[in-house]
PDB file of N, CA and C in Angstrom:
ATOM      1  N   UNK A   1       0.861  -1.178   0.000  1.00  0.00           N
ATOM      2  CA  UNK A   1       0.000   0.000   0.000  1.00  0.00           C
ATOM      3  C   UNK A   1       0.904   1.237   0.000  1.00  0.00           C
ATOM      4  N   UNK A   2       0.607   2.172  -0.873  1.00  0.00           N
ATOM      5  CA  UNK A   2       1.357   3.411  -0.967  1.00  0.00           C
ATOM      6  C   UNK A   2       0.520   4.546  -0.409  1.00  0.00           C
ATOM      7  N   UNK A   3       1.127   5.402   0.377  1.00  0.00           N
ATOM      8  CA  UNK A   3       0.427   6.566   0.895  1.00  0.00           C
ATOM      9  C   UNK A   3       0.758   7.756  -0.007  1.00  0.00           C
ATOM     10  N   UNK A   4      -0.261   8.398  -0.553  1.00  0.00           N
ATOM     11  CA  UNK A   4      -0.087   9.577  -1.388  1.00  0.00           C
ATOM     12  C   UNK A   4      -0.522  10.780  -0.573  1.00  0.00           C
ATOM     13  N   UNK A   5       0.352  11.754  -0.467  1.00  0.00           N
ATOM     14  CA  UNK A   5       0.030  12.961   0.282  1.00  0.00           C
ATOM     15  C   UNK A   5      -0.523  14.008  -0.677  1.00  0.00           C
ATOM     16  N   UNK A   6      -1.639  14.584  -0.338  1.00  0.00           N
ATOM     17  CA  UNK A   6      -2.298  15.583  -1.161  1.00  0.00           C
ATOM     18  C   UNK A   6      -1.996  16.963  -0.589  1.00  0.00           C
ATOM     19  N   UNK A   7      -1.228  17.781  -1.328  1.00  0.00           N
ATOM     20  CA  UNK A   7      -0.861  19.097  -0.790  1.00  0.00           C
ATOM     21  C   UNK A   7      -2.025  20.077  -0.706  1.00  0.00           C
ATOM     22  N   UNK A   8      -3.159  19.747  -1.301  1.00  0.00           N
ATOM     23  CA  UNK A   8      -4.287  20.680  -1.280  1.00  0.00           C
ATOM     24  C   UNK A   8      -5.133  20.553  -0.026  1.00  0.00           C
ATOM     25  N   UNK A   9      -5.141  19.373   0.604  1.00  0.00           N
ATOM     26  CA  UNK A   9      -5.925  19.194   1.816  1.00  0.00           C
ATOM     27  C   UNK A   9      -5.521  17.887   2.477  1.00  0.00           C
ATOM     28  N   UNK A  10      -4.814  17.978   3.574  1.00  0.00           N
ATOM     29  CA  UNK A  10      -4.263  16.793   4.236  1.00  0.00           C
ATOM     30  C   UNK A  10      -5.003  16.484   5.529  1.00  0.00           C
ATOM     31  N   UNK A  11      -6.272  16.810   5.600  1.00  0.00           N
ATOM     32  CA  UNK A  11      -7.013  16.578   6.834  1.00  0.00           C
ATOM     33  C   UNK A  11      -7.219  15.099   7.115  1.00  0.00           C
ATOM     34  N   UNK A  12      -7.521  14.341   6.063  1.00  0.00           N
ATOM     35  CA  UNK A  12      -7.716  12.906   6.188  1.00  0.00           C
ATOM     36  C   UNK A  12      -6.806  12.212   5.176  1.00  0.00           C
ATOM     37  N   UNK A  13      -5.858  11.457   5.662  1.00  0.00           N
ATOM     38  CA  UNK A  13      -4.937  10.764   4.775  1.00  0.00           C
ATOM     39  C   UNK A  13      -5.679   9.655   4.038  1.00  0.00           C
ATOM     40  N   UNK A  14      -5.531   9.625   2.716  1.00  0.00           N
ATOM     41  CA  UNK A  14      -6.200   8.634   1.883  1.00  0.00           C
ATOM     42  C   UNK A  14      -5.164   7.625   1.414  1.00  0.00           C
ATOM     43  N   UNK A  15      -5.462   6.345   1.596  1.00  0.00           N
ATOM     44  CA  UNK A  15      -4.569   5.303   1.106  1.00  0.00           C
ATOM     45  C   UNK A  15      -5.111   4.793  -0.211  1.00  0.00           C
ATOM     46  N   UNK A  16      -4.217   4.710  -1.214  1.00  0.00           N
ATOM     47  CA  UNK A  16      -4.606   4.243  -2.540  1.00  0.00           C
ATOM     48  C   UNK A  16      -3.606   3.202  -3.015  1.00  0.00           C
ATOM     49  N   UNK A  17      -4.103   2.222  -3.725  1.00  0.00           N
ATOM     50  CA  UNK A  17      -3.233   1.225  -4.334  1.00  0.00           C
ATOM     51  C   UNK A  17      -2.517   1.879  -5.520  1.00  0.00           C
ATOM     52  N   UNK A  18      -1.236   1.640  -5.642  1.00  0.00           N
ATOM     53  CA  UNK A  18      -0.487   2.131  -6.796  1.00  0.00           C
ATOM     54  C   UNK A  18      -0.775   1.203  -7.968  1.00  0.00           C
ATOM     55  N   UNK A  19      -1.083   1.784  -9.124  1.00  0.00           N
ATOM     56  CA  UNK A  19      -1.347   0.984 -10.310  1.00  0.00           C
ATOM     57  C   UNK A  19      -0.038   0.413 -10.850  1.00  0.00           C
ATOM     58  N   UNK A  20      -0.105  -0.743 -11.435  1.00  0.00           N
ATOM     59  CA  UNK A  20       1.076  -1.349 -12.050  1.00  0.00           C
ATOM     60  C   UNK A  20       1.496  -0.524 -13.266  1.00  0.00           C
ATOM     61  N   UNK A  21       2.800  -0.370 -13.449  1.00  0.00           N
ATOM     62  CA  UNK A  21       3.303   0.357 -14.613  1.00  0.00           C
ATOM     63  C   UNK A  21       3.223  -0.544 -15.841  1.00  0.00           C
ATOM     64  N   UNK A  22       2.925   0.045 -16.995  1.00  0.00           N
ATOM     65  CA  UNK A  22       2.906  -0.785 -18.202  1.00  0.00           C
ATOM     66  C   UNK A  22       4.326  -1.257 -18.544  1.00  0.00           C
ATOM     67  N   UNK A  23       4.429  -2.431 -19.133  1.00  0.00           N
ATOM     68  CA  UNK A  23       5.749  -2.949 -19.493  1.00  0.00           C
ATOM     69  C   UNK A  23       6.339  -2.198 -20.675  1.00  0.00           C
ATOM     70  N   UNK A  24       5.486  -1.562 -21.478  1.00  0.00           N
ATOM     71  CA  UNK A  24       5.936  -0.796 -22.636  1.00  0.00           C
ATOM     72  C   UNK A  24       4.944   0.337 -22.880  1.00  0.00           C
ATOM     73  N   UNK A  25       5.414   1.414 -23.482  1.00  0.00           N
ATOM     74  CA  UNK A  25       4.524   2.521 -23.852  1.00  0.00           C
ATOM     75  C   UNK A  25       4.105   2.440 -25.310  1.00  0.00           C
ATOM     76  N   UNK A  26       4.659   1.479 -26.043  1.00  0.00           N
ATOM     77  CA  UNK A  26       4.354   1.314 -27.459  1.00  0.00           C
ATOM     78  C   UNK A  26       2.848   1.106 -27.649  1.00  0.00           C
ATOM     79  N   UNK A  27       2.229   1.998 -28.417  1.00  0.00           N
ATOM     80  CA  UNK A  27       0.806   1.900 -28.704  1.00  0.00           C
ATOM     81  C   UNK A  27      -0.110   2.520 -27.665  1.00  0.00           C
ATOM     82  N   UNK A  28       0.422   2.901 -26.503  1.00  0.00           N
ATOM     83  CA  UNK A  28      -0.405   3.530 -25.472  1.00  0.00           C
ATOM     84  C   UNK A  28      -0.536   5.027 -25.739  1.00  0.00           C
ATOM     85  N   UNK A  29      -1.594   5.618 -25.211  1.00  0.00           N
ATOM     86  CA  UNK A  29      -1.756   7.069 -25.279  1.00  0.00           C
ATOM     87  C   UNK A  29      -1.306   7.644 -23.951  1.00  0.00           C
ATOM     88  N   UNK A  30      -0.324   8.550 -24.034  1.00  0.00           N
ATOM     89  CA  UNK A  30       0.237   9.188 -22.844  1.00  0.00           C
ATOM     90  C   UNK A  30      -0.238  10.633 -22.821  1.00  0.00           C
ATOM     91  N   UNK A  31      -0.879  11.027 -21.738  1.00  0.00           N
ATOM     92  CA  UNK A  31      -1.307  12.407 -21.568  1.00  0.00           C
ATOM     93  C   UNK A  31      -0.215  13.207 -20.887  1.00  0.00           C
ATOM     94  N   UNK A  32       0.098  14.367 -21.444  1.00  0.00           N
ATOM     95  CA  UNK A  32       1.074  15.279 -20.844  1.00  0.00           C
ATOM     96  C   UNK A  32       0.309  16.481 -20.314  1.00  0.00           C
ATOM     97  N   UNK A  33       0.306  16.636 -18.998  1.00  0.00           N
ATOM     98  CA  UNK A  33      -0.450  17.711 -18.351  1.00  0.00           C
ATOM     99  C   UNK A  33       0.492  18.832 -17.943  1.00  0.00           C
ATOM    100  N   UNK A  34       0.327  19.977 -18.575  1.00  0.00           N
ATOM    101  CA  UNK A  34       1.084  21.180 -18.235  1.00  0.00           C
ATOM    102  C   UNK A  34       0.289  21.900 -17.156  1.00  0.00           C
ATOM    103  N   UNK A  35       0.880  22.082 -15.977  1.00  0.00           N
ATOM    104  CA  UNK A  35       0.133  22.725 -14.896  1.00  0.00           C
ATOM    105  C   UNK A  35       0.225  24.247 -14.957  1.00  0.00           C
ATOM    106  N   UNK A  36       0.809  24.767 -16.032  1.00  0.00           N
ATOM    107  CA  UNK A  36       0.880  26.211 -16.308  1.00  0.00           C
ATOM    108  C   UNK A  36       1.909  26.939 -15.451  1.00  0.00           C
ATOM    109  N   UNK A  37       2.947  26.223 -15.036  1.00  0.00           N
ATOM    110  CA  UNK A  37       4.074  26.889 -14.387  1.00  0.00           C
ATOM    111  C   UNK A  37       5.098  27.223 -15.465  1.00  0.00           C
ATOM    112  N   UNK A  38       5.901  28.266 -15.245  1.00  0.00           N
ATOM    113  CA  UNK A  38       6.899  28.645 -16.251  1.00  0.00           C
ATOM    114  C   UNK A  38       7.825  27.483 -16.607  1.00  0.00           C
ATOM    115  N   UNK A  39       8.076  27.317 -17.877  1.00  0.00           N
ATOM    116  CA  UNK A  39       8.978  26.334 -18.483  1.00  0.00           C
ATOM    117  C   UNK A  39       8.488  24.894 -18.415  1.00  0.00           C
ATOM    118  N   UNK A  40       7.312  24.672 -17.889  1.00  0.00           N
ATOM    119  CA  UNK A  40       6.765  23.320 -17.887  1.00  0.00           C
ATOM    120  C   UNK A  40       6.566  22.806 -19.301  1.00  0.00           C
ATOM    121  N   UNK A  41       6.180  23.702 -20.210  1.00  0.00           N
ATOM    122  CA  UNK A  41       5.975  23.302 -21.603  1.00  0.00           C
ATOM    123  C   UNK A  41       7.280  22.857 -22.262  1.00  0.00           C
ATOM    124  N   UNK A  42       8.393  23.466 -21.873  1.00  0.00           N
ATOM    125  CA  UNK A  42       9.701  23.080 -22.421  1.00  0.00           C
ATOM    126  C   UNK A  42      10.031  21.651 -22.004  1.00  0.00           C
ATOM    127  N   UNK A  43       9.800  21.344 -20.738  1.00  0.00           N
ATOM    128  CA  UNK A  43      10.014  19.984 -20.239  1.00  0.00           C
ATOM    129  C   UNK A  43       9.131  18.994 -21.002  1.00  0.00           C
ATOM    130  N   UNK A  44       7.854  19.335 -21.167  1.00  0.00           N
ATOM    131  CA  UNK A  44       6.929  18.428 -21.830  1.00  0.00           C
ATOM    132  C   UNK A  44       7.248  18.265 -23.315  1.00  0.00           C
ATOM    133  N   UNK A  45       7.769  19.292 -23.956  1.00  0.00           N
ATOM    134  CA  UNK A  45       8.177  19.163 -25.358  1.00  0.00           C
ATOM    135  C   UNK A  45       9.238  18.080 -25.502  1.00  0.00           C
ATOM    136  N   UNK A  46      10.215  18.073 -24.615  1.00  0.00           N
ATOM    137  CA  UNK A  46      11.281  17.055 -24.661  1.00  0.00           C
ATOM    138  C   UNK A  46      10.731  15.675 -24.347  1.00  0.00           C
ATOM    139  N   UNK A  47       9.842  15.589 -23.362  1.00  0.00           N
ATOM    140  CA  UNK A  47       9.233  14.301 -23.022  1.00  0.00           C
ATOM    141  C   UNK A  47       8.433  13.777 -24.216  1.00  0.00           C
ATOM    142  N   UNK A  48       7.701  14.655 -24.882  1.00  0.00           N
ATOM    143  CA  UNK A  48       6.909  14.238 -26.045  1.00  0.00           C
ATOM    144  C   UNK A  48       7.818  13.651 -27.136  1.00  0.00           C
ATOM    145  N   UNK A  49       8.941  14.279 -27.386  1.00  0.00           N
ATOM    146  CA  UNK A  49       9.886  13.762 -28.375  1.00  0.00           C
ATOM    147  C   UNK A  49      10.321  12.342 -28.022  1.00  0.00           C
ATOM    148  N   UNK A  50      10.664  12.133 -26.755  1.00  0.00           N
ATOM    149  CA  UNK A  50      11.122  10.817 -26.304  1.00  0.00           C
ATOM    150  C   UNK A  50      10.008   9.775 -26.407  1.00  0.00           C
ATOM    151  N   UNK A  51       8.798  10.163 -26.007  1.00  0.00           N
ATOM    152  CA  UNK A  51       7.679   9.223 -26.027  1.00  0.00           C
ATOM    153  C   UNK A  51       7.305   8.799 -27.439  1.00  0.00           C
ATOM    154  N   UNK A  52       7.238   9.748 -28.347  1.00  0.00           N
ATOM    155  CA  UNK A  52       6.897   9.389 -29.726  1.00  0.00           C
ATOM    156  C   UNK A  52       8.001   8.525 -30.335  1.00  0.00           C
ATOM    157  N   UNK A  53       9.223   8.715 -29.865  1.00  0.00           N
ATOM    158  CA  UNK A  53      10.337   7.890 -30.337  1.00  0.00           C
ATOM    159  C   UNK A  53      10.228   6.425 -29.930  1.00  0.00           C
ATOM    160  N   UNK A  54       9.500   6.130 -28.863  1.00  0.00           N
ATOM    161  CA  UNK A  54       9.322   4.738 -28.424  1.00  0.00           C
ATOM    162  C   UNK A  54       7.945   4.194 -28.795  1.00  0.00           C
ATOM    163  N   UNK A  55       7.227   4.922 -29.658  1.00  0.00           N
ATOM    164  CA  UNK A  55       5.963   4.405 -30.174  1.00  0.00           C
ATOM    165  C   UNK A  55       4.709   4.807 -29.435  1.00  0.00           C
ATOM    166  N   UNK A  56       4.808   5.715 -28.480  1.00  0.00           N
ATOM    167  CA  UNK A  56       3.619   6.151 -27.742  1.00  0.00           C
ATOM    168  C   UNK A  56       2.896   7.249 -28.518  1.00  0.00           C
ATOM    169  N   UNK A  57       1.583   7.296 -28.350  1.00  0.00           N
ATOM    170  CA  UNK A  57       0.783   8.413 -28.853  1.00  0.00           C
ATOM    171  C   UNK A  57       0.734   9.434 -27.720  1.00  0.00           C
ATOM    172  N   UNK A  58       0.789  10.710 -28.057  1.00  0.00           N
ATOM    173  CA  UNK A  58       0.824  11.743 -27.023  1.00  0.00           C
ATOM    174  C   UNK A  58      -0.332  12.712 -27.216  1.00  0.00           C
ATOM    175  N   UNK A  59      -0.994  13.036 -26.105  1.00  0.00           N
ATOM    176  CA  UNK A  59      -2.026  14.082 -26.085  1.00  0.00           C
ATOM    177  C   UNK A  59      -1.592  15.114 -25.055  1.00  0.00           C
ATOM    178  N   UNK A  60      -1.733  16.389 -25.415  1.00  0.00           N
ATOM    179  CA  UNK A  60      -1.319  17.475 -24.523  1.00  0.00           C
ATOM    180  C   UNK A  60      -2.540  18.122 -23.882  1.00  0.00           C
ATOM    181  N   UNK A  61      -2.382  18.473 -22.602  1.00  0.00           N
ATOM    182  CA  UNK A  61      -3.426  19.147 -21.829  1.00  0.00           C
ATOM    183  C   UNK A  61      -2.779  20.238 -20.990  1.00  0.00           C
ATOM    184  N   UNK A  62      -3.563  21.238 -20.603  1.00  0.00           N
ATOM    185  CA  UNK A  62      -3.059  22.243 -19.668  1.00  0.00           C
ATOM    186  C   UNK A  62      -4.124  22.655 -18.684  1.00  0.00           C
ATOM    187  N   UNK A  63      -3.644  22.893 -17.459  1.00  0.00           N
ATOM    188  CA  UNK A  63      -4.525  23.437 -16.427  1.00  0.00           C
ATOM    189  C   UNK A  63      -4.640  24.936 -16.657  1.00  0.00           C
ATOM    190  N   UNK A  64      -5.767  25.529 -16.300  1.00  0.00           N
ATOM    191  CA  UNK A  64      -5.900  26.984 -16.452  1.00  0.00           C
ATOM    192  C   UNK A  64      -4.936  27.754 -15.547  1.00  0.00           C
ATOM    193  N   UNK A  65      -4.608  27.202 -14.389  1.00  0.00           N
ATOM    194  CA  UNK A  65      -3.690  27.857 -13.455  1.00  0.00           C
ATOM    195  C   UNK A  65      -3.043  26.801 -12.572  1.00  0.00           C
ATOM    196  N   UNK A  66      -1.803  27.055 -12.167  1.00  0.00           N
ATOM    197  CA  UNK A  66      -1.123  26.091 -11.303  1.00  0.00           C
ATOM    198  C   UNK A  66      -1.572  26.200  -9.851  1.00  0.00           C
ATOM    199  N   UNK A  67      -2.319  27.234  -9.513  1.00  0.00           N
ATOM    200  CA  UNK A  67      -2.687  27.465  -8.114  1.00  0.00           C
ATOM    201  C   UNK A  67      -3.879  26.637  -7.643  1.00  0.00           C
ATOM    202  N   UNK A  68      -4.552  25.965  -8.565  1.00  0.00           N
ATOM    203  CA  UNK A  68      -5.724  25.168  -8.196  1.00  0.00           C
ATOM    204  C   UNK A  68      -5.629  23.797  -8.850  1.00  0.00           C
ATOM    205  N   UNK A  69      -6.318  22.805  -8.291  1.00  0.00           N
ATOM    206  CA  UNK A  69      -6.352  21.486  -8.937  1.00  0.00           C
ATOM    207  C   UNK A  69      -6.984  21.587 -10.330  1.00  0.00           C
ATOM    208  N   UNK A  70      -6.663  20.625 -11.169  1.00  0.00           N
ATOM    209  CA  UNK A  70      -7.262  20.582 -12.509  1.00  0.00           C
ATOM    210  C   UNK A  70      -8.778  20.463 -12.386  1.00  0.00           C
ATOM    211  N   UNK A  71      -9.515  21.161 -13.243  1.00  0.00           N
ATOM    212  CA  UNK A  71     -10.970  21.059 -13.204  1.00  0.00           C
ATOM    213  C   UNK A  71     -11.430  19.614 -13.425  1.00  0.00           C
ATOM    214  N   UNK A  72     -12.560  19.277 -12.850  1.00  0.00           N
ATOM    215  CA  UNK A  72     -13.093  17.917 -12.931  1.00  0.00           C
ATOM    216  C   UNK A  72     -13.247  17.463 -14.382  1.00  0.00           C
ATOM    217  N   UNK A  73     -13.773  18.326 -15.245  1.00  0.00           N
ATOM    218  CA  UNK A  73     -13.975  17.922 -16.641  1.00  0.00           C
ATOM    219  C   UNK A  73     -12.654  17.623 -17.345  1.00  0.00           C
ATOM    220  N   UNK A  74     -11.594  18.353 -17.022  1.00  0.00           N
ATOM    221  CA  UNK A  74     -10.274  18.089 -17.599  1.00  0.00           C
ATOM    222  C   UNK A  74      -9.727  16.762 -17.088  1.00  0.00           C
ATOM    223  N   UNK A  75      -9.867  16.500 -15.798  1.00  0.00           N
ATOM    224  CA  UNK A  75      -9.412  15.220 -15.241  1.00  0.00           C
ATOM    225  C   UNK A  75     -10.164  14.051 -15.865  1.00  0.00           C
ATOM    226  N   UNK A  76     -11.459  14.225 -16.071  1.00  0.00           N
ATOM    227  CA  UNK A  76     -12.266  13.178 -16.700  1.00  0.00           C
ATOM    228  C   UNK A  76     -11.807  12.946 -18.147  1.00  0.00           C
ATOM    229  N   UNK A  77     -11.580  14.016 -18.872  1.00  0.00           N
ATOM    230  CA  UNK A  77     -11.125  13.905 -20.260  1.00  0.00           C
ATOM    231  C   UNK A  77      -9.799  13.142 -20.335  1.00  0.00           C
ATOM    232  N   UNK A  78      -8.863  13.494 -19.486  1.00  0.00           N
ATOM    233  CA  UNK A  78      -7.565  12.813 -19.470  1.00  0.00           C
ATOM    234  C   UNK A  78      -7.743  11.337 -19.127  1.00  0.00           C
ATOM    235  N   UNK A  79      -8.551  11.054 -18.122  1.00  0.00           N
ATOM    236  CA  UNK A  79      -8.762   9.669 -17.683  1.00  0.00           C
ATOM    237  C   UNK A  79      -9.401   8.815 -18.767  1.00  0.00           C
ATOM    238  N   UNK A  80     -10.257   9.392 -19.581  1.00  0.00           N
ATOM    239  CA  UNK A  80     -10.931   8.605 -20.617  1.00  0.00           C
ATOM    240  C   UNK A  80     -10.114   8.503 -21.902  1.00  0.00           C
ATOM    241  N   UNK A  81      -9.174   9.419 -22.116  1.00  0.00           N
ATOM    242  CA  UNK A  81      -8.412   9.431 -23.364  1.00  0.00           C
ATOM    243  C   UNK A  81      -7.018   8.819 -23.247  1.00  0.00           C
ATOM    244  N   UNK A  82      -6.506   8.623 -22.029  1.00  0.00           N
ATOM    245  CA  UNK A  82      -5.111   8.215 -21.856  1.00  0.00           C
ATOM    246  C   UNK A  82      -4.974   7.011 -20.926  1.00  0.00           C
ATOM    247  N   UNK A  83      -3.934   6.232 -21.165  1.00  0.00           N
ATOM    248  CA  UNK A  83      -3.609   5.117 -20.273  1.00  0.00           C
ATOM    249  C   UNK A  83      -2.531   5.509 -19.267  1.00  0.00           C
ATOM    250  N   UNK A  84      -1.738   6.526 -19.593  1.00  0.00           N
ATOM    251  CA  UNK A  84      -0.641   6.983 -18.742  1.00  0.00           C
ATOM    252  C   UNK A  84      -0.650   8.514 -18.748  1.00  0.00           C
ATOM    253  N   UNK A  85      -0.278   9.129 -17.623  1.00  0.00           N
ATOM    254  CA  UNK A  85      -0.226  10.596 -17.538  1.00  0.00           C
ATOM    255  C   UNK A  85       1.094  11.029 -16.920  1.00  0.00           C
ATOM    256  N   UNK A  86       1.678  12.083 -17.508  1.00  0.00           N
ATOM    257  CA  UNK A  86       2.868  12.731 -16.935  1.00  0.00           C
ATOM    258  C   UNK A  86       2.491  14.183 -16.706  1.00  0.00           C
ATOM    259  N   UNK A  87       2.771  14.656 -15.509  1.00  0.00           N
ATOM    260  CA  UNK A  87       2.437  16.032 -15.133  1.00  0.00           C
ATOM    261  C   UNK A  87       3.729  16.829 -15.019  1.00  0.00           C
ATOM    262  N   UNK A  88       3.763  18.015 -15.646  1.00  0.00           N
ATOM    263  CA  UNK A  88       4.971  18.840 -15.617  1.00  0.00           C
ATOM    264  C   UNK A  88       4.970  19.763 -14.429  1.00  0.00           C
ATOM    265  N   UNK A  89       6.010  19.678 -13.648  1.00  0.00           N
ATOM    266  CA  UNK A  89       6.228  20.580 -12.522  1.00  0.00           C
ATOM    267  C   UNK A  89       7.563  21.271 -12.768  1.00  0.00           C
ATOM    268  N   UNK A  90       7.534  22.511 -13.168  1.00  0.00           N
ATOM    269  CA  UNK A  90       8.785  23.214 -13.471  1.00  0.00           C
ATOM    270  C   UNK A  90       8.671  24.675 -13.102  1.00  0.00           C
ATOM    271  N   UNK A  91       9.804  25.317 -12.999  1.00  0.00           N
ATOM    272  CA  UNK A  91       9.917  26.758 -12.771  1.00  0.00           C
ATOM    273  C   UNK A  91      11.159  27.242 -13.441  1.00  0.00           C
TER     274      UNK A  91
END
């Protein structure tokens, strides 16, 4: 069991099972979430190059602001369109 700490509200600690990592990204759709911090897009551009090089399909998303969690509709869209997600945290 892995404990994930939520920086937005830590009143009640939630325990979640960690999902198994895929053995390969070939053929999977990977979502790249830009949280709208400076230079996060630069990081994601490089990640996208690497992912497409190993056969992954890439979809790009962005949060309206880094100061709040991603809107529910955006999280739902990512969850239904992607098998893997990478979130950019940069400054």
